[in-house]
Amino acid sequence: MTAPHPDSGVLRHAADAGQPPSGAVSRRQLLMAGAALAGTVVAGRARAQAWPNKPVRIVVPFVAGGSSDIVARSVAAKMQGPLGQNVVVENRPGANGAIAAEYVMRSPPDGYTIMVGSIGTFAINAALQPKLPYDPLRDLEPLTLAVTTPNVLVASPSLPVTDVRGLIDYARRNPGKLSYASSGTGSSDHLSAELFKLQTNTFGVHIPYRGGAAAMADLMGGNVDASFQNMGAAVPHIRSGRLKALGVTSEARRPQLPDTPTLIEQGVPGFVVTSWQAFMGPRGMPRDVIARLHAELVAALQSDEVRGRFAQQGFDVVGNRPSEFADFQRREIERWRDVVRRKGLTPE
């Protein structure tokens, strides 16, 4: 309902009587409301201009060298100039990202501590672990979905197989001998391996690590046999010959590995798993700070330098709005809850 004009008869009558009639709004009240609104706008602008006035931390829930770490460090380097502050990357590995997520959840919601995490940290953990110490939907603030990438099934150079069919045959000829490394219980590479074993009726021992880099280090050293790893982190080691690529988990072959067929091509129907990395912060950050963080994150992701580097490693840049990422995240959590329920998977 529109307030009466200050010169209307209603307000003149109120002024003459010295008391506003019931339901009427005085000129003084209108002026006070306008001043309050203007003060709020000015305060919001001042806060946006003042932020940041100290370094910003990007927490990574895994050890250095994995996909989350690659995304964090690439983006941090591009954000420092526009923000006029150092952007520091801090690794806090453990529990498939739960340790870092709980730390960020409990950090002051002032925009100075955010995190980049994986599909495991922000979706699969919620589907797989009923006693998770954080709720990725309730306790964390969405900023943007950064990148997506398929996984690639890789093997140690010492494993005597060259393709997916060879791996299946090896597992069946050597029951209980094959081992699968993952970046942590509940990670996309862990669930990829579980789905693979179920669909191919094979067995392999799951060996979780504190991040993809640690898993790949043991793969290259021949201490474990195979793993589904994020393509972005695995491609450099595949190109150097330190890992063997057996198949990719996308619907079609990837330009980064044009000679590596999909698992679907090699007789594992419908095997598509897409991993992703996203940025979140503590719930309750000011709207203007969220807007600034989102703008700088997306600008860094969309820069030619970062896009080119990510393309070489198999990352597809997204950089969507916080609301779009929140909707995507909810769908992913429901998808993996369904997978966990149907496959009967439980935390190890």
Protein backbone atom coordinates (compact mmCIF):
# COMPACT_ATOMS: atom_id res chain seq x y z
CA MET A 1 0.00 0.00 0.00
CA THR A 2 1.40 3.48 -0.97
CA ALA A 3 1.79 5.95 1.91
CA PRO A 4 -0.32 9.15 1.57
CA HIS A 5 1.39 12.22 0.16
CA PRO A 6 2.68 14.48 2.94
CA ASP A 7 0.43 17.32 1.65
CA SER A 8 -2.76 15.21 1.75
CA GLY A 9 -5.69 16.18 3.93
CA VAL A 10 -5.13 13.20 6.20
CA LEU A 11 -1.68 14.33 7.19
CA ARG A 12 -2.69 17.98 7.50
CA HIS A 13 -5.42 16.93 9.90
CA ALA A 14 -2.96 14.87 11.89
CA ALA A 15 -0.54 17.77 12.17
CA ASP A 16 -3.31 20.15 13.26
CA ALA A 17 -4.35 17.73 15.98
CA GLY A 18 -0.77 17.19 17.13
CA GLN A 19 -1.25 13.40 17.06
CA PRO A 20 -1.18 11.06 14.01
CA PRO A 21 -4.47 9.31 13.48
CA SER A 22 -4.52 5.51 13.66
CA GLY A 23 -2.81 4.02 10.55
CA ALA A 24 -1.36 7.35 9.37
CA VAL A 25 2.37 8.01 8.88
CA SER A 26 3.84 11.36 9.94
CA ARG A 27 6.31 13.37 7.93
CA ARG A 28 8.81 12.87 10.78
CA GLN A 29 8.38 9.08 10.57
CA LEU A 30 8.87 9.13 6.82
CA LEU A 31 12.03 11.20 7.17
CA MET A 32 13.37 8.92 9.89
CA ALA A 33 12.68 5.82 7.80
CA GLY A 34 14.40 7.36 4.80
CA ALA A 35 17.42 8.31 6.87
CA ALA A 36 17.65 4.79 8.30
CA LEU A 37 17.50 3.25 4.82
CA ALA A 38 20.15 5.64 3.52
CA GLY A 39 22.34 4.82 6.50
CA THR A 40 22.02 1.10 5.81
CA VAL A 41 23.03 1.59 2.17
CA VAL A 42 25.99 3.78 3.11
CA ALA A 43 27.10 1.29 5.78
CA GLY A 44 26.87 -1.57 3.28
CA ARG A 45 28.92 0.36 0.74
CA ALA A 46 31.50 1.26 3.37
CA ARG A 47 31.83 -2.38 4.42
CA ALA A 48 32.20 -3.51 0.81
CA GLN A 49 34.88 -0.86 0.22
CA ALA A 50 36.66 -1.76 3.46
CA TRP A 51 36.72 -5.48 2.68
CA PRO A 52 39.30 -6.90 2.47
CA ASN A 53 41.71 -5.08 4.77
CA LYS A 54 43.78 -8.17 5.60
CA PRO A 55 44.80 -11.43 3.84
CA VAL A 56 42.13 -13.87 2.69
CA ARG A 57 42.59 -17.59 3.33
CA ILE A 58 41.45 -20.36 1.01
CA VAL A 59 41.38 -23.62 2.96
CA VAL A 60 42.01 -26.83 1.00
CA PRO A 61 40.73 -30.04 2.64
CA PHE A 62 43.42 -32.24 1.08
CA VAL A 63 47.21 -32.35 0.82
CA ALA A 64 49.00 -30.18 -1.72
CA GLY A 65 49.07 -31.33 -5.32
CA GLY A 66 45.52 -32.67 -5.73
CA SER A 67 42.66 -31.17 -7.74
CA SER A 68 41.31 -28.96 -4.93
CA ASP A 69 44.80 -27.63 -4.30
CA ILE A 70 45.39 -26.93 -8.01
CA VAL A 71 42.14 -24.97 -8.24
CA ALA A 72 42.84 -23.03 -5.03
CA ARG A 73 46.36 -21.97 -5.96
CA SER A 74 45.46 -21.02 -9.54
CA VAL A 75 42.59 -18.83 -8.40
CA ALA A 76 44.43 -17.33 -5.42
CA ALA A 77 47.23 -16.06 -7.66
CA LYS A 78 44.72 -14.21 -9.88
CA MET A 79 42.67 -12.73 -7.00
CA GLN A 80 45.51 -11.02 -5.13
CA GLY A 81 45.84 -8.07 -7.50
CA PRO A 82 42.15 -7.09 -7.68
CA LEU A 83 41.68 -7.56 -3.92
CA GLY A 84 44.85 -5.70 -2.99
CA GLN A 85 45.61 -8.33 -0.36
CA ASN A 86 47.48 -11.61 -0.15
CA VAL A 87 45.34 -14.68 -0.78
CA VAL A 88 46.86 -17.55 1.17
CA VAL A 89 46.20 -21.23 0.50
CA GLU A 90 46.12 -23.40 3.63
CA ASN A 91 45.95 -27.21 3.47
CA ARG A 92 43.98 -28.93 6.26
CA PRO A 93 43.63 -32.56 5.15
CA GLY A 94 41.72 -35.37 6.78
CA ALA A 95 38.41 -37.26 6.85
CA ASN A 96 37.70 -36.60 3.15
CA GLY A 97 37.46 -32.89 3.79
CA ALA A 98 35.40 -33.03 7.00
CA ILE A 99 38.19 -31.57 9.17
CA ALA A 100 38.60 -28.52 6.93
CA ALA A 101 34.86 -28.08 6.42
CA GLU A 102 34.21 -28.08 10.17
CA TYR A 103 37.05 -25.60 10.65
CA VAL A 104 35.63 -23.23 8.03
CA MET A 105 32.11 -23.70 9.40
CA ARG A 106 33.33 -22.46 12.80
CA SER A 107 35.37 -19.56 11.37
CA PRO A 108 34.02 -15.98 11.63
CA PRO A 109 31.65 -15.36 8.69
CA ASP A 110 33.54 -12.24 7.60
CA GLY A 111 34.82 -13.39 4.20
CA TYR A 112 38.42 -13.83 5.29
CA THR A 113 38.22 -17.63 5.46
CA ILE A 114 36.69 -19.62 2.60
CA MET A 115 37.41 -23.06 1.19
CA VAL A 116 37.53 -24.99 -2.05
CA GLY A 117 36.35 -28.57 -1.77
CA SER A 118 35.42 -31.57 -3.83
CA ILE A 119 32.28 -33.51 -4.61
CA GLY A 120 33.25 -35.71 -1.67
CA THR A 121 33.47 -32.85 0.83
CA PHE A 122 30.35 -31.01 -0.33
CA ALA A 123 28.06 -33.86 -1.43
CA ILE A 124 29.15 -37.49 -0.97
CA ASN A 125 30.09 -37.07 2.70
CA ALA A 126 26.52 -36.02 3.46
CA ALA A 127 25.20 -39.04 1.58
CA LEU A 128 27.56 -41.56 3.14
CA GLN A 129 28.18 -40.39 6.71
CA PRO A 130 25.12 -39.97 8.97
CA LYS A 131 27.20 -38.44 11.81
CA LEU A 132 29.02 -35.83 9.74
CA PRO A 133 30.18 -32.92 11.99
CA TYR A 134 28.94 -30.35 9.45
CA ASP A 135 25.98 -30.01 7.10
CA PRO A 136 27.20 -28.76 3.70
CA LEU A 137 23.79 -27.21 2.96
CA ARG A 138 23.03 -25.69 6.38
CA ASP A 139 26.47 -24.71 7.69
CA LEU A 140 28.31 -23.46 4.59
CA GLU A 141 27.63 -20.55 2.25
CA PRO A 142 27.70 -21.33 -1.50
CA LEU A 143 29.94 -19.10 -3.61
CA THR A 144 30.37 -20.86 -6.96
CA LEU A 145 30.85 -24.20 -8.68
CA ALA A 146 34.39 -23.80 -9.98
CA VAL A 147 35.15 -26.74 -12.31
CA THR A 148 33.94 -30.17 -13.32
CA THR A 149 36.01 -33.07 -14.61
CA PRO A 150 35.62 -36.79 -15.24
CA ASN A 151 37.70 -39.32 -13.39
CA VAL A 152 40.26 -41.47 -15.16
CA LEU A 153 41.02 -45.06 -14.21
CA VAL A 154 44.79 -45.22 -13.83
CA ALA A 155 47.16 -48.05 -12.96
CA SER A 156 50.68 -48.35 -11.63
CA PRO A 157 53.28 -48.83 -14.39
CA SER A 158 54.20 -52.14 -12.73
CA LEU A 159 50.67 -53.59 -13.04
CA PRO A 160 50.59 -55.97 -16.06
CA VAL A 161 47.45 -54.50 -17.70
CA THR A 162 46.88 -51.93 -20.43
CA ASP A 163 43.10 -51.50 -20.56
CA VAL A 164 39.89 -51.98 -18.57
CA ARG A 165 39.29 -55.52 -19.84
CA GLY A 166 42.79 -56.45 -18.78
CA LEU A 167 42.16 -55.06 -15.30
CA ILE A 168 38.95 -57.04 -14.96
CA ASP A 169 40.69 -60.24 -16.06
CA TYR A 170 43.59 -59.59 -13.67
CA ALA A 171 41.20 -59.07 -10.74
CA ARG A 172 39.35 -62.30 -11.52
CA ARG A 173 42.54 -64.34 -11.94
CA ASN A 174 44.03 -62.94 -8.71
CA PRO A 175 41.18 -62.78 -6.19
CA GLY A 176 41.91 -60.42 -3.31
CA LYS A 177 45.22 -59.22 -4.75
CA LEU A 178 44.14 -56.05 -6.60
CA SER A 179 44.22 -52.83 -4.57
CA TYR A 180 42.47 -49.51 -5.25
CA ALA A 181 43.80 -46.21 -3.91
CA SER A 182 41.48 -43.29 -3.27
CA SER A 183 41.82 -39.72 -2.03
CA GLY A 184 39.68 -40.66 0.97
CA THR A 185 36.67 -42.67 2.08
CA GLY A 186 33.58 -41.22 0.42
CA SER A 187 35.48 -39.42 -2.33
CA SER A 188 34.29 -39.66 -5.93
CA ASP A 189 37.26 -41.91 -6.74
CA HIS A 190 36.31 -44.24 -3.87
CA LEU A 191 32.69 -44.53 -5.02
CA SER A 192 33.80 -44.85 -8.63
CA ALA A 193 35.85 -47.90 -7.64
CA GLU A 194 32.96 -49.38 -5.65
CA LEU A 195 30.59 -48.95 -8.58
CA PHE A 196 33.17 -50.44 -10.92
CA LYS A 197 33.61 -53.52 -8.71
CA LEU A 198 29.87 -54.02 -8.45
CA GLN A 199 29.22 -53.60 -12.16
CA THR A 200 32.10 -55.89 -13.20
CA ASN A 201 31.65 -58.45 -10.41
CA THR A 202 35.25 -58.08 -9.31
CA PHE A 203 36.93 -57.43 -5.97
CA GLY A 204 39.69 -55.07 -4.92
CA VAL A 205 40.92 -53.81 -1.58
CA HIS A 206 40.14 -50.13 -0.92
CA ILE A 207 43.10 -48.14 0.45
CA PRO A 208 42.13 -44.55 1.36
CA TYR A 209 44.70 -41.73 1.44
CA ARG A 210 44.60 -38.15 2.65
CA GLY A 211 44.18 -36.68 -0.81
CA GLY A 212 44.69 -37.59 -4.44
CA ALA A 213 48.34 -36.54 -4.56
CA ALA A 214 49.28 -39.02 -1.83
CA ALA A 215 47.31 -41.78 -3.57
CA MET A 216 49.03 -41.13 -6.89
CA ALA A 217 52.45 -41.04 -5.27
CA ASP A 218 51.96 -44.59 -4.02
CA LEU A 219 50.52 -45.60 -7.40
CA MET A 220 53.60 -44.33 -9.18
CA GLY A 221 55.75 -46.13 -6.65
CA GLY A 222 53.96 -49.43 -7.24
CA ASN A 223 52.62 -49.68 -3.67
CA VAL A 224 48.99 -49.85 -4.89
CA ASP A 225 47.62 -51.08 -8.20
CA ALA A 226 44.89 -48.81 -9.55
CA SER A 227 42.72 -45.79 -8.80
CA PHE A 228 39.99 -43.57 -10.23
CA GLN A 229 41.57 -40.11 -10.04
CA ASN A 230 40.44 -36.67 -11.13
CA MET A 231 41.62 -36.16 -14.69
CA GLY A 232 43.03 -32.71 -13.92
CA ALA A 233 45.49 -34.05 -11.38
CA ALA A 234 46.30 -37.31 -13.20
CA VAL A 235 46.97 -36.05 -16.75
CA PRO A 236 50.52 -34.71 -16.11
CA HIS A 237 51.57 -38.06 -14.60
CA ILE A 238 49.95 -39.97 -17.47
CA ARG A 239 51.79 -37.85 -20.04
CA SER A 240 55.09 -38.38 -18.24
CA GLY A 241 54.57 -42.16 -18.25
CA ARG A 242 54.47 -42.46 -14.48
CA LEU A 243 50.84 -43.67 -14.60
CA LYS A 244 48.92 -45.76 -17.15
CA ALA A 245 45.50 -44.48 -18.25
CA LEU A 246 43.04 -47.36 -18.70
CA GLY A 247 39.74 -45.50 -19.23
CA VAL A 248 37.80 -42.29 -18.56
CA THR A 249 34.45 -42.01 -16.76
CA SER A 250 32.86 -39.58 -19.23
CA GLU A 251 30.30 -40.31 -21.95
CA ALA A 252 32.82 -39.49 -24.70
CA ARG A 253 36.60 -39.43 -25.00
CA ARG A 254 38.37 -36.34 -23.70
CA PRO A 255 40.66 -34.16 -25.83
CA GLN A 256 43.34 -34.28 -23.13
CA LEU A 257 43.54 -38.09 -23.52
CA PRO A 258 42.26 -38.77 -27.05
CA ASP A 259 43.70 -42.28 -27.18
CA THR A 260 42.12 -43.38 -23.90
CA PRO A 261 38.67 -44.93 -24.44
CA THR A 262 35.77 -44.50 -22.03
CA LEU A 263 34.74 -47.28 -19.69
CA ILE A 264 31.50 -47.46 -21.66
CA GLU A 265 33.46 -48.22 -24.83
CA GLN A 266 35.27 -51.00 -22.96
CA GLY A 267 32.16 -52.87 -21.89
CA VAL A 268 31.08 -51.16 -18.64
CA PRO A 269 27.67 -49.73 -19.65
CA GLY A 270 26.48 -46.39 -18.29
CA PHE A 271 29.62 -45.78 -16.25
CA VAL A 272 29.69 -41.96 -16.03
CA VAL A 273 31.07 -40.15 -12.98
CA THR A 274 31.81 -36.42 -13.01
CA SER A 275 33.84 -34.93 -10.20
CA TRP A 276 33.79 -31.23 -9.30
CA GLN A 277 35.36 -28.54 -7.16
CA ALA A 278 33.50 -25.62 -5.59
CA PHE A 279 34.02 -22.64 -3.28
CA MET A 280 32.08 -22.15 -0.04
CA GLY A 281 32.44 -20.11 3.13
CA PRO A 282 30.95 -20.00 6.63
CA ARG A 283 27.20 -19.49 6.70
CA GLY A 284 26.15 -15.93 7.49
CA MET A 285 28.68 -13.87 5.53
CA PRO A 286 27.43 -10.37 4.60
CA ARG A 287 25.68 -10.21 1.23
CA ASP A 288 28.02 -7.56 -0.13
CA VAL A 289 31.09 -9.59 0.82
CA ILE A 290 29.59 -12.69 -0.83
CA ALA A 291 28.95 -10.66 -3.97
CA ARG A 292 32.55 -9.38 -4.05
CA LEU A 293 34.02 -12.81 -3.39
CA HIS A 294 31.84 -14.36 -6.08
CA ALA A 295 32.81 -11.70 -8.61
CA GLU A 296 36.54 -12.12 -7.97
CA LEU A 297 36.39 -15.92 -7.96
CA VAL A 298 34.53 -16.01 -11.28
CA ALA A 299 36.85 -13.42 -12.83
CA ALA A 300 39.86 -15.53 -11.84
CA LEU A 301 38.28 -18.74 -13.15
CA GLN A 302 37.32 -17.11 -16.45
CA SER A 303 40.72 -15.49 -17.05
CA ASP A 304 42.52 -16.73 -20.15
CA GLU A 305 45.50 -17.89 -18.11
CA VAL A 306 43.49 -20.02 -15.69
CA ARG A 307 41.09 -21.36 -18.33
CA GLY A 308 44.02 -22.42 -20.52
CA ARG A 309 45.80 -24.15 -17.66
CA PHE A 310 42.65 -25.95 -16.56
CA ALA A 311 41.79 -27.05 -20.10
CA GLN A 312 45.17 -28.76 -20.41
CA GLN A 313 44.45 -30.69 -17.23
CA GLY A 314 40.90 -31.71 -18.10
CA PHE A 315 38.96 -29.18 -16.01
CA ASP A 316 35.83 -27.60 -17.48
CA VAL A 317 35.36 -24.13 -15.93
CA VAL A 318 31.85 -23.32 -14.64
CA GLY A 319 31.82 -20.24 -12.39
CA ASN A 320 28.06 -20.02 -11.83
CA ARG A 321 25.97 -17.98 -9.38
CA PRO A 322 25.72 -19.01 -5.69
CA SER A 323 22.04 -19.93 -6.10
CA GLU A 324 22.81 -22.08 -9.14
CA PHE A 325 25.56 -23.93 -7.30
CA ALA A 326 23.25 -24.45 -4.29
CA ASP A 327 20.62 -26.08 -6.54
CA PHE A 328 23.28 -28.25 -8.20
CA GLN A 329 24.69 -29.27 -4.82
CA ARG A 330 21.26 -30.40 -3.56
CA ARG A 331 20.77 -32.57 -6.66
CA GLU A 332 24.22 -34.12 -6.24
CA ILE A 333 23.61 -34.99 -2.59
CA GLU A 334 20.35 -36.71 -3.51
CA ARG A 335 22.01 -38.53 -6.40
CA TRP A 336 24.75 -39.98 -4.21
CA ARG A 337 22.33 -40.83 -1.40
CA ASP A 338 20.47 -42.92 -3.91
CA VAL A 339 23.70 -44.61 -5.06
CA VAL A 340 24.79 -45.31 -1.47
CA ARG A 341 21.37 -46.74 -0.63
CA ARG A 342 21.13 -48.93 -3.74
CA LYS A 343 24.70 -50.24 -3.42
CA GLY A 344 24.60 -50.71 0.34
CA LEU A 345 27.76 -48.68 0.91
CA THR A 346 28.79 -47.67 4.44
CA PRO A 347 31.64 -45.56 5.84
CA GLU A 348 34.83 -47.53 6.43
